[in-house]
Amino acid sequence: PPTPYFAPPEHLIPNFDFPPGAQPMGGGGGGSPISQGAEAVFGSDLSTEEIHEHYAAQMEASGWRLVDDQPTENGMVTFWELVDEEGSSWAAKLEVFPNEEPAGSYTVRVQLLLPQ
């Protein structure tokens, strides 16, 4: 039989707000048996670091703990952990990177993994 679709409890995923002054351009989401993800594309005058700080603060406010960060040539990738009420450890990856086109636009992607 097919593997069931992975659907984490909604309260684990922060209800993200765009950075101040952002102009939404699109986004979407999807999942697999082991992960669930969403992304947003928007225009902003902020730097990659400022946008990352905006989303990282929302992760922390939702109970997530930063476990690793890996600045890349073009953006930022951070890894997060949250232990839920049942003791399950959830992992998430937050990516922020500028897009080549249109200029001044960014993609923010969050991926939540099945608990270990």
C-alpha atoms as a PDB file:
ATOM      1  CA  PRO A   1       0.000   0.000   0.000  1.00  0.00           C
ATOM      2  CA  PRO A   2       1.112   3.601  -0.471  1.00  0.00           C
ATOM      3  CA  THR A   3       2.858   5.340   2.393  1.00  0.00           C
ATOM      4  CA  PRO A   4       0.555   7.815   4.158  1.00  0.00           C
ATOM      5  CA  TYR A   5       1.138  11.499   3.541  1.00  0.00           C
ATOM      6  CA  PHE A   6       3.126  13.157   6.330  1.00  0.00           C
ATOM      7  CA  ALA A   7       1.056  15.802   8.105  1.00  0.00           C
ATOM      8  CA  PRO A   8       2.664  17.282  11.246  1.00  0.00           C
ATOM      9  CA  PRO A   9       0.533  18.947  13.902  1.00  0.00           C
ATOM     10  CA  GLU A  10      -0.221  22.445  12.634  1.00  0.00           C
ATOM     11  CA  HIS A  11       0.898  24.124  15.861  1.00  0.00           C
ATOM     12  CA  LEU A  12       4.499  23.014  15.210  1.00  0.00           C
ATOM     13  CA  ILE A  13       4.825  25.120  12.080  1.00  0.00           C
ATOM     14  CA  PRO A  14       4.997  28.856  12.811  1.00  0.00           C
ATOM     15  CA  ASN A  15       2.390  31.022  11.112  1.00  0.00           C
ATOM     16  CA  PHE A  16       5.062  33.175   9.485  1.00  0.00           C
ATOM     17  CA  ASP A  17       4.617  36.871   8.825  1.00  0.00           C
ATOM     18  CA  PHE A  18       6.400  38.560   5.927  1.00  0.00           C
ATOM     19  CA  PRO A  19       9.097  41.081   6.815  1.00  0.00           C
ATOM     20  CA  PRO A  20       7.949  44.705   7.007  1.00  0.00           C
ATOM     21  CA  GLY A  21       7.523  46.212   3.562  1.00  0.00           C
ATOM     22  CA  ALA A  22       7.734  42.873   1.709  1.00  0.00           C
ATOM     23  CA  GLN A  23       5.852  42.524  -1.569  1.00  0.00           C
ATOM     24  CA  PRO A  24       4.550  38.904  -1.821  1.00  0.00           C
ATOM     25  CA  MET A  25       5.130  37.327  -5.237  1.00  0.00           C
ATOM     26  CA  GLY A  26       4.149  33.692  -4.737  1.00  0.00           C
ATOM     27  CA  GLY A  27       4.811  30.541  -2.833  1.00  0.00           C
ATOM     28  CA  GLY A  28       3.581  27.069  -2.178  1.00  0.00           C
ATOM     29  CA  GLY A  29       4.120  23.923  -0.226  1.00  0.00           C
ATOM     30  CA  GLY A  30       4.094  20.186  -0.325  1.00  0.00           C
ATOM     31  CA  GLY A  31       5.114  17.075   1.452  1.00  0.00           C
ATOM     32  CA  SER A  32       6.220  13.491   1.360  1.00  0.00           C
ATOM     33  CA  PRO A  33       6.050  10.573   3.777  1.00  0.00           C
ATOM     34  CA  ILE A  34       8.999  12.030   5.706  1.00  0.00           C
ATOM     35  CA  SER A  35       8.833  15.817   5.331  1.00  0.00           C
ATOM     36  CA  GLN A  36       6.553  18.819   4.899  1.00  0.00           C
ATOM     37  CA  GLY A  37       7.663  22.104   3.407  1.00  0.00           C
ATOM     38  CA  ALA A  38       6.556  25.549   2.354  1.00  0.00           C
ATOM     39  CA  GLU A  39       8.153  28.470   0.598  1.00  0.00           C
ATOM     40  CA  ALA A  40       7.412  32.086  -0.103  1.00  0.00           C
ATOM     41  CA  VAL A  41       8.826  34.418  -2.726  1.00  0.00           C
ATOM     42  CA  PHE A  42       8.709  38.172  -2.119  1.00  0.00           C
ATOM     43  CA  GLY A  43      10.403  41.440  -2.898  1.00  0.00           C
ATOM     44  CA  SER A  44      12.213  43.280  -0.127  1.00  0.00           C
ATOM     45  CA  ASP A  45      14.736  46.038   0.480  1.00  0.00           C
ATOM     46  CA  LEU A  46      16.156  44.099   3.444  1.00  0.00           C
ATOM     47  CA  SER A  47      19.393  42.093   3.306  1.00  0.00           C
ATOM     48  CA  THR A  48      19.497  38.295   3.339  1.00  0.00           C
ATOM     49  CA  GLU A  49      20.718  38.438   6.947  1.00  0.00           C
ATOM     50  CA  GLU A  50      17.898  40.762   8.039  1.00  0.00           C
ATOM     51  CA  ILE A  51      15.299  38.533   6.391  1.00  0.00           C
ATOM     52  CA  HIS A  52      16.802  35.466   8.040  1.00  0.00           C
ATOM     53  CA  GLU A  53      16.759  37.201  11.433  1.00  0.00           C
ATOM     54  CA  HIS A  54      13.071  38.042  10.898  1.00  0.00           C
ATOM     55  CA  TYR A  55      12.136  34.396  10.269  1.00  0.00           C
ATOM     56  CA  ALA A  56      14.545  32.975  12.873  1.00  0.00           C
ATOM     57  CA  ALA A  57      12.875  35.136  15.539  1.00  0.00           C
ATOM     58  CA  GLN A  58       9.522  33.621  14.569  1.00  0.00           C
ATOM     59  CA  MET A  59      10.968  30.098  14.828  1.00  0.00           C
ATOM     60  CA  GLU A  60      12.334  30.873  18.314  1.00  0.00           C
ATOM     61  CA  ALA A  61       9.031  32.414  19.424  1.00  0.00           C
ATOM     62  CA  SER A  62       7.316  29.157  18.404  1.00  0.00           C
ATOM     63  CA  GLY A  63       9.613  27.079  20.629  1.00  0.00           C
ATOM     64  CA  TRP A  64      12.217  26.029  18.057  1.00  0.00           C
ATOM     65  CA  ARG A  65      15.901  25.967  19.083  1.00  0.00           C
ATOM     66  CA  LEU A  66      18.707  26.771  16.635  1.00  0.00           C
ATOM     67  CA  VAL A  67      21.133  23.842  16.390  1.00  0.00           C
ATOM     68  CA  ASP A  68      23.311  24.787  13.393  1.00  0.00           C
ATOM     69  CA  ASP A  69      23.755  27.527  10.853  1.00  0.00           C
ATOM     70  CA  GLN A  70      25.476  27.292   7.507  1.00  0.00           C
ATOM     71  CA  PRO A  71      25.861  30.577   5.649  1.00  0.00           C
ATOM     72  CA  THR A  72      26.215  29.852   1.950  1.00  0.00           C
ATOM     73  CA  GLU A  73      27.651  31.898  -0.876  1.00  0.00           C
ATOM     74  CA  ASN A  74      24.227  33.338  -1.712  1.00  0.00           C
ATOM     75  CA  GLY A  75      22.083  32.855   1.365  1.00  0.00           C
ATOM     76  CA  MET A  76      21.610  31.292   4.768  1.00  0.00           C
ATOM     77  CA  VAL A  77      20.613  27.807   5.880  1.00  0.00           C
ATOM     78  CA  THR A  78      19.823  27.073   9.518  1.00  0.00           C
ATOM     79  CA  PHE A  79      18.755  23.883  11.268  1.00  0.00           C
ATOM     80  CA  TRP A  80      16.299  23.813  14.151  1.00  0.00           C
ATOM     81  CA  GLU A  81      14.963  21.377  16.747  1.00  0.00           C
ATOM     82  CA  LEU A  82      11.775  21.251  18.771  1.00  0.00           C
ATOM     83  CA  VAL A  83      10.752  18.649  21.342  1.00  0.00           C
ATOM     84  CA  ASP A  84       6.956  18.409  21.515  1.00  0.00           C
ATOM     85  CA  GLU A  85       4.699  17.632  24.482  1.00  0.00           C
ATOM     86  CA  GLU A  86       5.032  13.891  23.812  1.00  0.00           C
ATOM     87  CA  GLY A  87       8.837  14.006  23.796  1.00  0.00           C
ATOM     88  CA  SER A  88       9.214  13.632  20.016  1.00  0.00           C
ATOM     89  CA  SER A  89      12.141  15.541  18.548  1.00  0.00           C
ATOM     90  CA  TRP A  90      11.283  17.438  15.362  1.00  0.00           C
ATOM     91  CA  ALA A  91      13.849  18.879  12.969  1.00  0.00           C
ATOM     92  CA  ALA A  92      13.418  21.800  10.596  1.00  0.00           C
ATOM     93  CA  LYS A  93      15.529  23.551   8.011  1.00  0.00           C
ATOM     94  CA  LEU A  94      15.118  27.264   7.259  1.00  0.00           C
ATOM     95  CA  GLU A  95      16.605  28.610   4.019  1.00  0.00           C
ATOM     96  CA  VAL A  96      16.765  32.243   2.887  1.00  0.00           C
ATOM     97  CA  PHE A  97      18.327  33.210  -0.399  1.00  0.00           C
ATOM     98  CA  PRO A  98      18.111  36.026  -2.955  1.00  0.00           C
ATOM     99  CA  ASN A  99      16.729  35.213  -6.395  1.00  0.00           C
ATOM    100  CA  GLU A 100      18.553  36.186  -9.570  1.00  0.00           C
ATOM    101  CA  GLU A 101      15.275  37.370 -11.114  1.00  0.00           C
ATOM    102  CA  PRO A 102      13.495  39.538 -10.385  1.00  0.00           C
ATOM    103  CA  ALA A 103      16.186  41.615  -8.725  1.00  0.00           C
ATOM    104  CA  GLY A 104      15.412  42.422  -5.095  1.00  0.00           C
ATOM    105  CA  SER A 105      13.380  39.251  -4.569  1.00  0.00           C
ATOM    106  CA  TYR A 106      13.990  36.450  -2.080  1.00  0.00           C
ATOM    107  CA  THR A 107      12.846  32.899  -1.446  1.00  0.00           C
ATOM    108  CA  VAL A 108      12.289  31.626   2.084  1.00  0.00           C
ATOM    109  CA  ARG A 109      11.824  27.888   2.469  1.00  0.00           C
ATOM    110  CA  VAL A 110      11.025  25.850   5.592  1.00  0.00           C
ATOM    111  CA  GLN A 111      11.165  22.066   5.697  1.00  0.00           C
ATOM    112  CA  LEU A 112       9.883  20.072   8.665  1.00  0.00           C
ATOM    113  CA  LEU A 113      11.068  16.460   9.039  1.00  0.00           C
ATOM    114  CA  LEU A 114       9.330  13.487  10.610  1.00  0.00           C
ATOM    115  CA  PRO A 115      10.274  13.152  14.299  1.00  0.00           C
ATOM    116  CA  GLN A 116      13.125  10.850  15.264  1.00  0.00           C
END
